[in-house]
Amino acid sequence: MSSKIVFNEGSKILAITPAISFSDLDGSNVSIPEKRRKYEVLPKPDTVIVDDGVSEWIEGLPEHLKCDHWLNVKNIETGKRHWLNTMHIQVSEIS
């Protein structure tokens, strides 16, 4: 969904995950509403903390997170920081 727009550090973006409906295993209809979230794009770190559930260690930024469709973001409403994959969502810059 998202085009190949590259967002700069400090950009404010609106990420829209479209609504979806599907049938679960027992045939019931499941509907998930559209989600809209605002983020600030953060700089990508040189290293990340890896946690396998047993131990933690620091390693260099993995190749897949270096791609433009992975953004290091901060949720503007909650302040939580995380990675955002923009491949299957609509993303646009806001002011």
Protein backbone atom coordinates (compact mmCIF):
# COMPACT_ATOMS: atom_id res chain seq x y z
CA MET A 1 0.00 0.00 0.00
CA SER A 2 2.63 2.50 1.01
CA SER A 3 4.53 4.08 -1.84
CA LYS A 4 8.30 4.35 -1.80
CA ILE A 5 8.33 7.67 0.04
CA VAL A 6 11.33 8.14 2.30
CA PHE A 7 10.54 9.99 5.51
CA ASN A 8 13.23 12.10 7.18
CA GLU A 9 14.10 11.99 10.86
CA GLY A 10 11.74 14.27 12.76
CA SER A 11 8.93 13.91 10.20
CA LYS A 12 5.45 13.53 11.61
CA ILE A 13 3.45 10.83 9.84
CA LEU A 14 -0.08 9.41 9.84
CA ALA A 15 -0.18 5.63 9.47
CA ILE A 16 -3.49 4.08 8.44
CA THR A 17 -4.06 0.34 8.75
CA PRO A 18 -7.14 -0.50 6.66
CA ALA A 19 -10.18 -2.28 8.09
CA ILE A 20 -10.36 -5.98 7.30
CA SER A 21 -12.96 -8.73 7.62
CA PHE A 22 -12.47 -12.48 7.41
CA SER A 23 -14.00 -15.74 8.56
CA ASP A 24 -12.32 -17.54 11.43
CA LEU A 25 -11.96 -21.32 11.71
CA ASP A 26 -15.53 -21.86 12.96
CA GLY A 27 -17.01 -19.68 10.19
CA SER A 28 -17.69 -16.62 12.34
CA ASN A 29 -17.10 -13.27 10.70
CA VAL A 30 -14.26 -11.26 12.27
CA SER A 31 -14.02 -7.52 11.60
CA ILE A 32 -11.06 -5.39 12.56
CA PRO A 33 -11.68 -1.64 12.23
CA GLU A 34 -9.35 0.82 10.54
CA LYS A 35 -6.57 2.11 12.79
CA ARG A 36 -5.07 5.60 12.50
CA ARG A 37 -1.94 6.48 14.44
CA LYS A 38 0.39 9.47 14.41
CA TYR A 39 4.13 8.98 14.77
CA GLU A 40 7.35 10.92 14.76
CA VAL A 41 10.13 9.34 12.71
CA LEU A 42 13.26 8.76 14.82
CA PRO A 43 16.82 8.14 13.66
CA LYS A 44 17.70 4.50 13.11
CA PRO A 45 20.18 3.28 15.72
CA ASP A 46 23.49 1.63 14.87
CA THR A 47 22.74 -1.25 17.26
CA VAL A 48 19.68 -3.05 18.62
CA ILE A 49 18.97 -5.18 21.69
CA VAL A 50 18.11 -8.76 20.74
CA ASP A 51 16.01 -10.80 23.17
CA ASP A 52 15.34 -14.49 22.50
CA GLY A 53 13.28 -14.94 25.67
CA VAL A 54 16.23 -16.40 27.58
CA SER A 55 18.98 -13.84 27.18
CA GLU A 56 19.66 -10.41 25.69
CA TRP A 57 22.57 -9.10 23.68
CA ILE A 58 23.45 -6.11 21.53
CA GLU A 59 24.20 -6.46 17.83
CA GLY A 60 24.46 -4.24 14.78
CA LEU A 61 21.29 -3.08 13.06
CA PRO A 62 19.98 -6.03 11.00
CA GLU A 63 19.87 -5.58 7.23
CA HIS A 64 16.06 -5.75 7.02
CA LEU A 65 15.69 -2.81 9.45
CA LYS A 66 18.02 -0.72 7.27
CA CYS A 67 15.38 -0.78 4.47
CA ASP A 68 13.33 2.38 3.87
CA HIS A 69 10.02 0.59 4.62
CA TRP A 70 11.10 0.01 8.24
CA LEU A 71 10.85 3.16 10.36
CA ASN A 72 11.98 3.72 13.93
CA VAL A 73 9.06 5.72 15.35
CA LYS A 74 7.59 7.29 18.48
CA ASN A 75 3.81 7.22 18.90
CA ILE A 76 2.85 10.87 19.35
CA GLU A 77 -0.08 10.05 21.66
CA THR A 78 1.58 7.47 23.94
CA GLY A 79 5.30 8.27 23.62
CA LYS A 80 6.06 4.57 23.00
CA ARG A 81 8.93 3.85 20.61
CA HIS A 82 9.02 0.89 18.23
CA TRP A 83 9.68 -0.24 14.69
CA LEU A 84 6.97 0.30 12.05
CA ASN A 85 6.81 -1.69 8.81
CA THR A 86 5.13 0.51 6.20
CA MET A 87 4.78 -2.09 3.44
CA HIS A 88 1.06 -2.86 3.92
CA ILE A 89 -0.27 0.38 5.37
CA GLN A 90 -0.95 3.86 4.06
CA VAL A 91 1.56 6.42 5.33
CA SER A 92 1.57 10.16 4.72
CA GLU A 93 3.49 13.09 6.17
CA ILE A 94 1.50 15.50 8.34
CA SER A 95 2.32 18.89 9.83
